[in-house]
Amino acid sequence: REPNVEFSIDEFFRPHDVPKRAISLMWNQRSVDTFL
């Protein structure tokens, strides 16, 4: 990082295809055969 030069973190990450978001998944199950 150069002194007194604004640094955009997005500009750095973009060429490396770094994800911007995280994703979660929730499933719903009416009947659960717990062992198998």
PDB file of all heavy atoms in Angstrom:
ATOM      1  N   ARG A   1       0.834  -1.188   0.000  1.00  0.00           N
ATOM      2  CA  ARG A   1       0.000   0.000   0.000  1.00  0.00           C
ATOM      3  C   ARG A   1       0.876   1.248   0.000  1.00  0.00           C
ATOM      4  O   ARG A   1       1.711   1.427   0.881  1.00  0.00           O
ATOM      5  CB  ARG A   1      -0.919  -0.005   1.217  1.00  0.00           C
ATOM      6  CG  ARG A   1      -1.884   1.171   1.232  1.00  0.00           C
ATOM      7  CD  ARG A   1      -2.852   1.053   2.382  1.00  0.00           C
ATOM      8  NE  ARG A   1      -3.747   2.196   2.441  1.00  0.00           N
ATOM      9  CZ  ARG A   1      -4.698   2.359   3.354  1.00  0.00           C
ATOM     10  NH1 ARG A   1      -4.871   1.434   4.284  1.00  0.00           N
ATOM     11  NH2 ARG A   1      -5.463   3.432   3.350  1.00  0.00           N
ATOM     12  N   GLU A   2       0.668   2.110  -1.021  1.00  0.00           N
ATOM     13  CA  GLU A   2       1.433   3.342  -1.117  1.00  0.00           C
ATOM     14  C   GLU A   2       0.891   4.366  -0.118  1.00  0.00           C
ATOM     15  O   GLU A   2      -0.320   4.469   0.078  1.00  0.00           O
ATOM     16  CB  GLU A   2       1.331   3.906  -2.539  1.00  0.00           C
ATOM     17  CG  GLU A   2       1.918   2.997  -3.616  1.00  0.00           C
ATOM     18  CD  GLU A   2       3.425   2.903  -3.496  1.00  0.00           C
ATOM     19  OE1 GLU A   2       4.037   3.852  -2.952  1.00  0.00           O
ATOM     20  OE2 GLU A   2       3.986   1.890  -3.909  1.00  0.00           O
ATOM     21  N   PRO A   3       1.775   5.162   0.492  1.00  0.00           N
ATOM     22  CA  PRO A   3       1.320   6.207   1.433  1.00  0.00           C
ATOM     23  C   PRO A   3       0.423   7.225   0.744  1.00  0.00           C
ATOM     24  O   PRO A   3       0.668   7.604  -0.409  1.00  0.00           O
ATOM     25  CB  PRO A   3       2.626   6.852   1.919  1.00  0.00           C
ATOM     26  CG  PRO A   3       3.686   5.852   1.595  1.00  0.00           C
ATOM     27  CD  PRO A   3       3.234   5.093   0.390  1.00  0.00           C
ATOM     28  N   ASN A   4      -0.617   7.633   1.436  1.00  0.00           N
ATOM     29  CA  ASN A   4      -1.528   8.680   0.961  1.00  0.00           C
ATOM     30  C   ASN A   4      -2.260   8.318  -0.327  1.00  0.00           C
ATOM     31  O   ASN A   4      -2.757   9.187  -1.038  1.00  0.00           O
ATOM     32  CB  ASN A   4      -0.763  10.002   0.749  1.00  0.00           C
ATOM     33  CG  ASN A   4      -0.062  10.461   2.005  1.00  0.00           C
ATOM     34  OD1 ASN A   4      -0.628  10.368   3.105  1.00  0.00           O
ATOM     35  ND2 ASN A   4       1.166  10.946   1.857  1.00  0.00           N
ATOM     36  N   VAL A   5      -2.307   7.011  -0.651  1.00  0.00           N
ATOM     37  CA  VAL A   5      -3.048   6.556  -1.839  1.00  0.00           C
ATOM     38  C   VAL A   5      -4.210   5.695  -1.376  1.00  0.00           C
ATOM     39  O   VAL A   5      -4.025   4.748  -0.610  1.00  0.00           O
ATOM     40  CB  VAL A   5      -2.143   5.750  -2.793  1.00  0.00           C
ATOM     41  CG1 VAL A   5      -2.957   5.216  -3.975  1.00  0.00           C
ATOM     42  CG2 VAL A   5      -1.000   6.619  -3.273  1.00  0.00           C
ATOM     43  N   GLU A   6      -5.410   6.083  -1.819  1.00  0.00           N
ATOM     44  CA  GLU A   6      -6.597   5.320  -1.426  1.00  0.00           C
ATOM     45  C   GLU A   6      -6.520   3.896  -1.980  1.00  0.00           C
ATOM     46  O   GLU A   6      -6.102   3.689  -3.126  1.00  0.00           O
ATOM     47  CB  GLU A   6      -7.869   6.007  -1.941  1.00  0.00           C
ATOM     48  CG  GLU A   6      -8.189   7.292  -1.209  1.00  0.00           C
ATOM     49  CD  GLU A   6      -9.560   7.809  -1.577  1.00  0.00           C
ATOM     50  OE1 GLU A   6     -10.287   7.104  -2.311  1.00  0.00           O
ATOM     51  OE2 GLU A   6      -9.914   8.922  -1.132  1.00  0.00           O
ATOM     52  N   PHE A   7      -6.899   2.974  -1.152  1.00  0.00           N
ATOM     53  CA  PHE A   7      -6.809   1.556  -1.542  1.00  0.00           C
ATOM     54  C   PHE A   7      -8.198   0.933  -1.492  1.00  0.00           C
ATOM     55  O   PHE A   7      -8.876   0.988  -0.463  1.00  0.00           O
ATOM     56  CB  PHE A   7      -5.866   0.814  -0.596  1.00  0.00           C
ATOM     57  CG  PHE A   7      -5.763  -0.664  -0.853  1.00  0.00           C
ATOM     58  CD1 PHE A   7      -5.049  -1.155  -1.936  1.00  0.00           C
ATOM     59  CD2 PHE A   7      -6.393  -1.570  -0.013  1.00  0.00           C
ATOM     60  CE1 PHE A   7      -4.952  -2.506  -2.159  1.00  0.00           C
ATOM     61  CE2 PHE A   7      -6.306  -2.928  -0.240  1.00  0.00           C
ATOM     62  CZ  PHE A   7      -5.582  -3.401  -1.313  1.00  0.00           C
ATOM     63  N   SER A   8      -8.657   0.406  -2.609  1.00  0.00           N
ATOM     64  CA  SER A   8      -9.965  -0.258  -2.674  1.00  0.00           C
ATOM     65  C   SER A   8      -9.761  -1.754  -2.542  1.00  0.00           C
ATOM     66  O   SER A   8      -9.083  -2.375  -3.378  1.00  0.00           O
ATOM     67  CB  SER A   8     -10.669   0.061  -3.997  1.00  0.00           C
ATOM     68  OG  SER A   8     -11.796  -0.784  -4.154  1.00  0.00           O
ATOM     69  N   ILE A   9     -10.360  -2.320  -1.487  1.00  0.00           N
ATOM     70  CA  ILE A   9     -10.199  -3.759  -1.280  1.00  0.00           C
ATOM     71  C   ILE A   9     -10.872  -4.546  -2.395  1.00  0.00           C
ATOM     72  O   ILE A   9     -10.416  -5.614  -2.789  1.00  0.00           O
ATOM     73  CB  ILE A   9     -10.738  -4.163   0.111  1.00  0.00           C
ATOM     74  CG1 ILE A   9     -10.248  -5.566   0.471  1.00  0.00           C
ATOM     75  CG2 ILE A   9     -12.264  -4.090   0.158  1.00  0.00           C
ATOM     76  CD1 ILE A   9     -10.456  -5.907   1.930  1.00  0.00           C
ATOM     77  N   ASP A  10     -11.981  -4.007  -2.944  1.00  0.00           N
ATOM     78  CA  ASP A  10     -12.647  -4.674  -4.057  1.00  0.00           C
ATOM     79  C   ASP A  10     -11.749  -4.741  -5.284  1.00  0.00           C
ATOM     80  O   ASP A  10     -11.742  -5.736  -6.008  1.00  0.00           O
ATOM     81  CB  ASP A  10     -13.952  -3.952  -4.409  1.00  0.00           C
ATOM     82  CG  ASP A  10     -15.121  -4.474  -3.603  1.00  0.00           C
ATOM     83  OD1 ASP A  10     -15.009  -5.596  -3.072  1.00  0.00           O
ATOM     84  OD2 ASP A  10     -16.148  -3.782  -3.501  1.00  0.00           O
ATOM     85  N   GLU A  11     -10.992  -3.670  -5.537  1.00  0.00           N
ATOM     86  CA  GLU A  11     -10.088  -3.654  -6.686  1.00  0.00           C
ATOM     87  C   GLU A  11      -9.018  -4.735  -6.552  1.00  0.00           C
ATOM     88  O   GLU A  11      -8.562  -5.304  -7.546  1.00  0.00           O
ATOM     89  CB  GLU A  11      -9.435  -2.282  -6.816  1.00  0.00           C
ATOM     90  CG  GLU A  11     -10.390  -1.194  -7.291  1.00  0.00           C
ATOM     91  CD  GLU A  11      -9.697   0.145  -7.410  1.00  0.00           C
ATOM     92  OE1 GLU A  11      -8.450   0.191  -7.263  1.00  0.00           O
ATOM     93  OE2 GLU A  11     -10.394   1.154  -7.650  1.00  0.00           O
ATOM     94  N   PHE A  12      -8.637  -5.000  -5.314  1.00  0.00           N
ATOM     95  CA  PHE A  12      -7.631  -6.034  -5.092  1.00  0.00           C
ATOM     96  C   PHE A  12      -8.222  -7.434  -5.263  1.00  0.00           C
ATOM     97  O   PHE A  12      -7.630  -8.297  -5.904  1.00  0.00           O
ATOM     98  CB  PHE A  12      -7.025  -5.881  -3.698  1.00  0.00           C
ATOM     99  CG  PHE A  12      -6.188  -7.061  -3.287  1.00  0.00           C
ATOM    100  CD1 PHE A  12      -5.027  -7.387  -3.972  1.00  0.00           C
ATOM    101  CD2 PHE A  12      -6.575  -7.869  -2.225  1.00  0.00           C
ATOM    102  CE1 PHE A  12      -4.265  -8.485  -3.601  1.00  0.00           C
ATOM    103  CE2 PHE A  12      -5.822  -8.956  -1.856  1.00  0.00           C
ATOM    104  CZ  PHE A  12      -4.653  -9.268  -2.540  1.00  0.00           C
ATOM    105  N   PHE A  13      -9.424  -7.659  -4.705  1.00  0.00           N
ATOM    106  CA  PHE A  13     -10.014  -8.990  -4.720  1.00  0.00           C
ATOM    107  C   PHE A  13     -10.559  -9.388  -6.094  1.00  0.00           C
ATOM    108  O   PHE A  13     -10.566 -10.558  -6.448  1.00  0.00           O
ATOM    109  CB  PHE A  13     -11.148  -9.075  -3.703  1.00  0.00           C
ATOM    110  CG  PHE A  13     -10.690  -9.164  -2.272  1.00  0.00           C
ATOM    111  CD1 PHE A  13     -11.297  -8.409  -1.277  1.00  0.00           C
ATOM    112  CD2 PHE A  13      -9.652 -10.009  -1.919  1.00  0.00           C
ATOM    113  CE1 PHE A  13     -10.884  -8.497   0.040  1.00  0.00           C
ATOM    114  CE2 PHE A  13      -9.227 -10.100  -0.610  1.00  0.00           C
ATOM    115  CZ  PHE A  13      -9.841  -9.341   0.380  1.00  0.00           C
ATOM    116  N   ARG A  14     -11.015  -8.398  -6.880  1.00  0.00           N
ATOM    117  CA  ARG A  14     -11.724  -8.705  -8.122  1.00  0.00           C
ATOM    118  C   ARG A  14     -10.925  -9.583  -9.087  1.00  0.00           C
ATOM    119  O   ARG A  14     -11.458 -10.570  -9.612  1.00  0.00           O
ATOM    120  CB  ARG A  14     -12.148  -7.404  -8.810  1.00  0.00           C
ATOM    121  CG  ARG A  14     -13.133  -7.630  -9.956  1.00  0.00           C
ATOM    122  CD  ARG A  14     -13.612  -6.314 -10.550  1.00  0.00           C
ATOM    123  NE  ARG A  14     -14.320  -5.502  -9.574  1.00  0.00           N
ATOM    124  CZ  ARG A  14     -13.903  -4.329  -9.118  1.00  0.00           C
ATOM    125  NH1 ARG A  14     -12.751  -3.819  -9.563  1.00  0.00           N
ATOM    126  NH2 ARG A  14     -14.599  -3.661  -8.230  1.00  0.00           N
ATOM    127  N   PRO A  15      -9.656  -9.302  -9.370  1.00  0.00           N
ATOM    128  CA  PRO A  15      -8.913 -10.151 -10.324  1.00  0.00           C
ATOM    129  C   PRO A  15      -8.739 -11.591  -9.860  1.00  0.00           C
ATOM    130  O   PRO A  15      -8.488 -12.486 -10.668  1.00  0.00           O
ATOM    131  CB  PRO A  15      -7.552  -9.451 -10.435  1.00  0.00           C
ATOM    132  CG  PRO A  15      -7.771  -8.081  -9.922  1.00  0.00           C
ATOM    133  CD  PRO A  15      -8.838  -8.179  -8.897  1.00  0.00           C
ATOM    134  N   HIS A  16      -8.871 -11.820  -8.561  1.00  0.00           N
ATOM    135  CA  HIS A  16      -8.666 -13.153  -8.007  1.00  0.00           C
ATOM    136  C   HIS A  16      -9.978 -13.900  -7.784  1.00  0.00           C
ATOM    137  O   HIS A  16      -9.976 -14.994  -7.218  1.00  0.00           O
ATOM    138  CB  HIS A  16      -7.888 -13.047  -6.696  1.00  0.00           C
ATOM    139  CG  HIS A  16      -6.596 -12.292  -6.828  1.00  0.00           C
ATOM    140  ND1 HIS A  16      -5.514 -12.778  -7.535  1.00  0.00           N
ATOM    141  CD2 HIS A  16      -6.232 -11.062  -6.371  1.00  0.00           C
ATOM    142  CE1 HIS A  16      -4.526 -11.897  -7.495  1.00  0.00           C
ATOM    143  NE2 HIS A  16      -4.938 -10.851  -6.798  1.00  0.00           N
ATOM    144  N   ASP A  17     -11.078 -13.291  -8.252  1.00  0.00           N
ATOM    145  CA  ASP A  17     -12.395 -13.936  -8.181  1.00  0.00           C
ATOM    146  C   ASP A  17     -12.748 -14.353  -6.754  1.00  0.00           C
ATOM    147  O   ASP A  17     -13.257 -15.446  -6.505  1.00  0.00           O
ATOM    148  CB  ASP A  17     -12.425 -15.163  -9.102  1.00  0.00           C
ATOM    149  CG  ASP A  17     -13.851 -15.553  -9.514  1.00  0.00           C
ATOM    150  OD1 ASP A  17     -14.724 -14.667  -9.508  1.00  0.00           O
ATOM    151  OD2 ASP A  17     -14.081 -16.736  -9.819  1.00  0.00           O
ATOM    152  N   VAL A  18     -12.481 -13.466  -5.813  1.00  0.00           N
ATOM    153  CA  VAL A  18     -12.772 -13.748  -4.407  1.00  0.00           C
ATOM    154  C   VAL A  18     -14.259 -13.504  -4.136  1.00  0.00           C
ATOM    155  O   VAL A  18     -14.779 -12.431  -4.454  1.00  0.00           O
ATOM    156  CB  VAL A  18     -11.919 -12.866  -3.478  1.00  0.00           C
ATOM    157  CG1 VAL A  18     -12.256 -13.144  -2.012  1.00  0.00           C
ATOM    158  CG2 VAL A  18     -10.434 -13.110  -3.739  1.00  0.00           C
ATOM    159  N   PRO A  19     -14.972 -14.471  -3.583  1.00  0.00           N
ATOM    160  CA  PRO A  19     -16.409 -14.291  -3.337  1.00  0.00           C
ATOM    161  C   PRO A  19     -16.700 -13.092  -2.441  1.00  0.00           C
ATOM    162  O   PRO A  19     -15.921 -12.756  -1.545  1.00  0.00           O
ATOM    163  CB  PRO A  19     -16.813 -15.597  -2.645  1.00  0.00           C
ATOM    164  CG  PRO A  19     -15.788 -16.595  -3.052  1.00  0.00           C
ATOM    165  CD  PRO A  19     -14.510 -15.819  -3.188  1.00  0.00           C
ATOM    166  N   LYS A  20     -17.858 -12.474  -2.697  1.00  0.00           N
ATOM    167  CA  LYS A  20     -18.296 -11.343  -1.885  1.00  0.00           C
ATOM    168  C   LYS A  20     -19.296 -11.743  -0.806  1.00  0.00           C
ATOM    169  O   LYS A  20     -19.514 -10.994   0.138  1.00  0.00           O
ATOM    170  CB  LYS A  20     -18.950 -10.277  -2.769  1.00  0.00           C
ATOM    171  CG  LYS A  20     -18.013  -9.574  -3.722  1.00  0.00           C
ATOM    172  CD  LYS A  20     -18.773  -8.491  -4.491  1.00  0.00           C
ATOM    173  CE  LYS A  20     -17.840  -7.705  -5.400  1.00  0.00           C
ATOM    174  NZ  LYS A  20     -18.571  -6.624  -6.117  1.00  0.00           N
ATOM    175  N   ARG A  21     -19.922 -12.915  -0.982  1.00  0.00           N
ATOM    176  CA  ARG A  21     -21.017 -13.272  -0.083  1.00  0.00           C
ATOM    177  C   ARG A  21     -20.843 -14.696   0.442  1.00  0.00           C
ATOM    178  O   ARG A  21     -20.187 -15.540  -0.188  1.00  0.00           O
ATOM    179  CB  ARG A  21     -22.372 -13.143  -0.783  1.00  0.00           C
ATOM    180  CG  ARG A  21     -22.653 -11.763  -1.339  1.00  0.00           C
ATOM    181  CD  ARG A  21     -24.039 -11.679  -1.944  1.00  0.00           C
ATOM    182  NE  ARG A  21     -25.068 -11.559  -0.916  1.00  0.00           N
ATOM    183  CZ  ARG A  21     -25.535 -10.396  -0.464  1.00  0.00           C
ATOM    184  NH1 ARG A  21     -25.078  -9.260  -0.934  1.00  0.00           N
ATOM    185  NH2 ARG A  21     -26.481 -10.370   0.467  1.00  0.00           N
ATOM    186  N   ALA A  22     -21.483 -14.942   1.580  1.00  0.00           N
ATOM    187  CA  ALA A  22     -21.587 -16.290   2.150  1.00  0.00           C
ATOM    188  C   ALA A  22     -23.029 -16.751   2.003  1.00  0.00           C
ATOM    189  O   ALA A  22     -23.962 -15.945   2.021  1.00  0.00           O
ATOM    190  CB  ALA A  22     -21.182 -16.285   3.614  1.00  0.00           C
ATOM    191  N   ILE A  23     -23.224 -18.058   1.876  1.00  0.00           N
ATOM    192  CA  ILE A  23     -24.560 -18.614   1.683  1.00  0.00           C
ATOM    193  C   ILE A  23     -24.805 -19.748   2.667  1.00  0.00           C
ATOM    194  O   ILE A  23     -23.938 -20.608   2.872  1.00  0.00           O
ATOM    195  CB  ILE A  23     -24.759 -19.104   0.221  1.00  0.00           C
ATOM    196  CG1 ILE A  23     -26.162 -19.684   0.031  1.00  0.00           C
ATOM    197  CG2 ILE A  23     -23.681 -20.093  -0.193  1.00  0.00           C
ATOM    198  CD1 ILE A  23     -26.498 -19.986  -1.434  1.00  0.00           C
ATOM    199  N   SER A  24     -25.973 -19.723   3.287  1.00  0.00           N
ATOM    200  CA  SER A  24     -26.401 -20.777   4.215  1.00  0.00           C
ATOM    201  C   SER A  24     -27.624 -21.474   3.645  1.00  0.00           C
ATOM    202  O   SER A  24     -28.365 -20.904   2.839  1.00  0.00           O
ATOM    203  CB  SER A  24     -26.737 -20.184   5.591  1.00  0.00           C
ATOM    204  OG  SER A  24     -25.606 -19.598   6.171  1.00  0.00           O
ATOM    205  N   LEU A  25     -27.830 -22.721   4.081  1.00  0.00           N
ATOM    206  CA  LEU A  25     -28.979 -23.503   3.621  1.00  0.00           C
ATOM    207  C   LEU A  25     -29.685 -24.120   4.820  1.00  0.00           C
ATOM    208  O   LEU A  25     -29.032 -24.663   5.718  1.00  0.00           O
ATOM    209  CB  LEU A  25     -28.533 -24.587   2.641  1.00  0.00           C
ATOM    210  CG  LEU A  25     -29.633 -25.458   2.003  1.00  0.00           C
ATOM    211  CD1 LEU A  25     -29.202 -25.906   0.592  1.00  0.00           C
ATOM    212  CD2 LEU A  25     -29.980 -26.678   2.846  1.00  0.00           C
ATOM    213  N   MET A  26     -31.007 -24.028   4.827  1.00  0.00           N
ATOM    214  CA  MET A  26     -31.829 -24.654   5.865  1.00  0.00           C
ATOM    215  C   MET A  26     -32.865 -25.549   5.190  1.00  0.00           C
ATOM    216  O   MET A  26     -33.598 -25.086   4.316  1.00  0.00           O
ATOM    217  CB  MET A  26     -32.536 -23.580   6.695  1.00  0.00           C
ATOM    218  CG  MET A  26     -33.479 -24.132   7.764  1.00  0.00           C
ATOM    219  SD  MET A  26     -34.228 -22.797   8.746  1.00  0.00           S
ATOM    220  CE  MET A  26     -35.326 -22.053   7.521  1.00  0.00           C
ATOM    221  N   TRP A  27     -32.876 -26.830   5.573  1.00  0.00           N
ATOM    222  CA  TRP A  27     -33.899 -27.716   5.016  1.00  0.00           C
ATOM    223  C   TRP A  27     -34.912 -28.087   6.089  1.00  0.00           C
ATOM    224  O   TRP A  27     -34.615 -28.085   7.282  1.00  0.00           O
ATOM    225  CB  TRP A  27     -33.273 -28.953   4.376  1.00  0.00           C
ATOM    226  CG  TRP A  27     -32.999 -30.107   5.297  1.00  0.00           C
ATOM    227  CD1 TRP A  27     -33.824 -31.153   5.570  1.00  0.00           C
ATOM    228  CD2 TRP A  27     -31.802 -30.353   6.066  1.00  0.00           C
ATOM    229  NE1 TRP A  27     -33.230 -32.033   6.452  1.00  0.00           N
ATOM    230  CE2 TRP A  27     -31.986 -31.561   6.772  1.00  0.00           C
ATOM    231  CE3 TRP A  27     -30.601 -29.658   6.223  1.00  0.00           C
ATOM    232  CZ2 TRP A  27     -31.025 -32.091   7.609  1.00  0.00           C
ATOM    233  CZ3 TRP A  27     -29.638 -30.173   7.063  1.00  0.00           C
ATOM    234  CH2 TRP A  27     -29.849 -31.379   7.743  1.00  0.00           C
ATOM    235  N   ASN A  28     -36.129 -28.400   5.649  1.00  0.00           N
ATOM    236  CA  ASN A  28     -37.219 -28.786   6.545  1.00  0.00           C
ATOM    237  C   ASN A  28     -37.609 -30.229   6.252  1.00  0.00           C
ATOM    238  O   ASN A  28     -37.762 -30.614   5.087  1.00  0.00           O
ATOM    239  CB  ASN A  28     -38.427 -27.868   6.345  1.00  0.00           C
ATOM    240  CG  ASN A  28     -38.110 -26.439   6.715  1.00  0.00           C
ATOM    241  OD1 ASN A  28     -37.727 -26.152   7.842  1.00  0.00           O
ATOM    242  ND2 ASN A  28     -38.240 -25.527   5.762  1.00  0.00           N
ATOM    243  N   GLN A  29     -37.783 -31.009   7.310  1.00  0.00           N
ATOM    244  CA  GLN A  29     -38.041 -32.434   7.151  1.00  0.00           C
ATOM    245  C   GLN A  29     -39.164 -32.857   8.085  1.00  0.00           C
ATOM    246  O   GLN A  29     -39.085 -32.678   9.297  1.00  0.00           O
ATOM    247  CB  GLN A  29     -36.763 -33.225   7.444  1.00  0.00           C
ATOM    248  CG  GLN A  29     -36.835 -34.691   7.078  1.00  0.00           C
ATOM    249  CD  GLN A  29     -35.454 -35.317   6.923  1.00  0.00           C
ATOM    250  OE1 GLN A  29     -34.457 -34.626   6.795  1.00  0.00           O
ATOM    251  NE2 GLN A  29     -35.391 -36.631   6.907  1.00  0.00           N
ATOM    252  N   ARG A  30     -40.223 -33.425   7.509  1.00  0.00           N
ATOM    253  CA  ARG A  30     -41.392 -33.803   8.312  1.00  0.00           C
ATOM    254  C   ARG A  30     -41.174 -35.116   9.054  1.00  0.00           C
ATOM    255  O   ARG A  30     -41.667 -35.318  10.156  1.00  0.00           O
ATOM    256  CB  ARG A  30     -42.632 -33.921   7.416  1.00  0.00           C
ATOM    257  CG  ARG A  30     -42.525 -35.037   6.394  1.00  0.00           C
ATOM    258  CD  ARG A  30     -43.792 -35.319   5.629  1.00  0.00           C
ATOM    259  NE  ARG A  30     -43.561 -36.427   4.698  1.00  0.00           N
ATOM    260  CZ  ARG A  30     -43.709 -37.705   4.990  1.00  0.00           C
ATOM    261  NH1 ARG A  30     -44.102 -38.061   6.206  1.00  0.00           N
ATOM    262  NH2 ARG A  30     -43.463 -38.636   4.084  1.00  0.00           N
ATOM    263  N   SER A  31     -40.458 -36.066   8.419  1.00  0.00           N
ATOM    264  CA  SER A  31     -40.269 -37.406   8.960  1.00  0.00           C
ATOM    265  C   SER A  31     -38.794 -37.764   8.875  1.00  0.00           C
ATOM    266  O   SER A  31     -38.197 -37.688   7.793  1.00  0.00           O
ATOM    267  CB  SER A  31     -41.113 -38.415   8.172  1.00  0.00           C
ATOM    268  OG  SER A  31     -40.909 -39.736   8.648  1.00  0.00           O
ATOM    269  N   VAL A  32     -38.214 -38.155  10.010  1.00  0.00           N
ATOM    270  CA  VAL A  32     -36.761 -38.337  10.080  1.00  0.00           C
ATOM    271  C   VAL A  32     -36.423 -39.728  10.606  1.00  0.00           C
ATOM    272  O   VAL A  32     -36.598 -40.021  11.795  1.00  0.00           O
ATOM    273  CB  VAL A  32     -36.120 -37.272  10.991  1.00  0.00           C
ATOM    274  CG1 VAL A  32     -34.593 -37.376  10.937  1.00  0.00           C
ATOM    275  CG2 VAL A  32     -36.581 -35.873  10.609  1.00  0.00           C
ATOM    276  N   ASP A  33     -35.943 -40.598   9.715  1.00  0.00           N
ATOM    277  CA  ASP A  33     -35.388 -41.894  10.110  1.00  0.00           C
ATOM    278  C   ASP A  33     -33.988 -41.600  10.642  1.00  0.00           C
ATOM    279  O   ASP A  33     -33.029 -41.508   9.885  1.00  0.00           O
ATOM    280  CB  ASP A  33     -35.347 -42.826   8.889  1.00  0.00           C
ATOM    281  CG  ASP A  33     -34.678 -44.161   9.176  1.00  0.00           C
ATOM    282  OD1 ASP A  33     -34.173 -44.358  10.297  1.00  0.00           O
ATOM    283  OD2 ASP A  33     -34.645 -45.007   8.262  1.00  0.00           O
ATOM    284  N   THR A  34     -33.879 -41.452  11.951  1.00  0.00           N
ATOM    285  CA  THR A  34     -32.676 -40.852  12.535  1.00  0.00           C
ATOM    286  C   THR A  34     -31.431 -41.706  12.349  1.00  0.00           C
ATOM    287  O   THR A  34     -30.340 -41.179  12.133  1.00  0.00           O
ATOM    288  CB  THR A  34     -32.908 -40.575  14.031  1.00  0.00           C
ATOM    289  OG1 THR A  34     -34.121 -39.833  14.180  1.00  0.00           O
ATOM    290  CG2 THR A  34     -31.759 -39.773  14.622  1.00  0.00           C
ATOM    291  N   PHE A  35     -31.564 -43.015  12.416  1.00  0.00           N
ATOM    292  CA  PHE A  35     -30.358 -43.845  12.350  1.00  0.00           C
ATOM    293  C   PHE A  35     -29.847 -44.021  10.922  1.00  0.00           C
ATOM    294  O   PHE A  35     -28.663 -43.835  10.659  1.00  0.00           O
ATOM    295  CB  PHE A  35     -30.589 -45.214  12.988  1.00  0.00           C
ATOM    296  CG  PHE A  35     -29.315 -46.008  13.111  1.00  0.00           C
ATOM    297  CD1 PHE A  35     -28.379 -45.691  14.084  1.00  0.00           C
ATOM    298  CD2 PHE A  35     -29.031 -47.040  12.233  1.00  0.00           C
ATOM    299  CE1 PHE A  35     -27.183 -46.394  14.177  1.00  0.00           C
ATOM    300  CE2 PHE A  35     -27.844 -47.754  12.321  1.00  0.00           C
ATOM    301  CZ  PHE A  35     -26.915 -47.427  13.297  1.00  0.00           C
ATOM    302  N   LEU A  36     -30.738 -44.361   9.988  1.00  0.00           N
ATOM    303  CA  LEU A  36     -30.291 -44.607   8.618  1.00  0.00           C
ATOM    304  C   LEU A  36     -30.402 -43.382   7.724  1.00  0.00           C
ATOM    305  O   LEU A  36     -29.512 -43.091   6.927  1.00  0.00           O
ATOM    306  CB  LEU A  36     -31.095 -45.755   7.997  1.00  0.00           C
ATOM    307  CG  LEU A  36     -30.821 -47.158   8.532  1.00  0.00           C
ATOM    308  CD1 LEU A  36     -31.690 -48.173   7.812  1.00  0.00           C
ATOM    309  CD2 LEU A  36     -29.349 -47.523   8.382  1.00  0.00           C
TER     310      LEU A  36
END
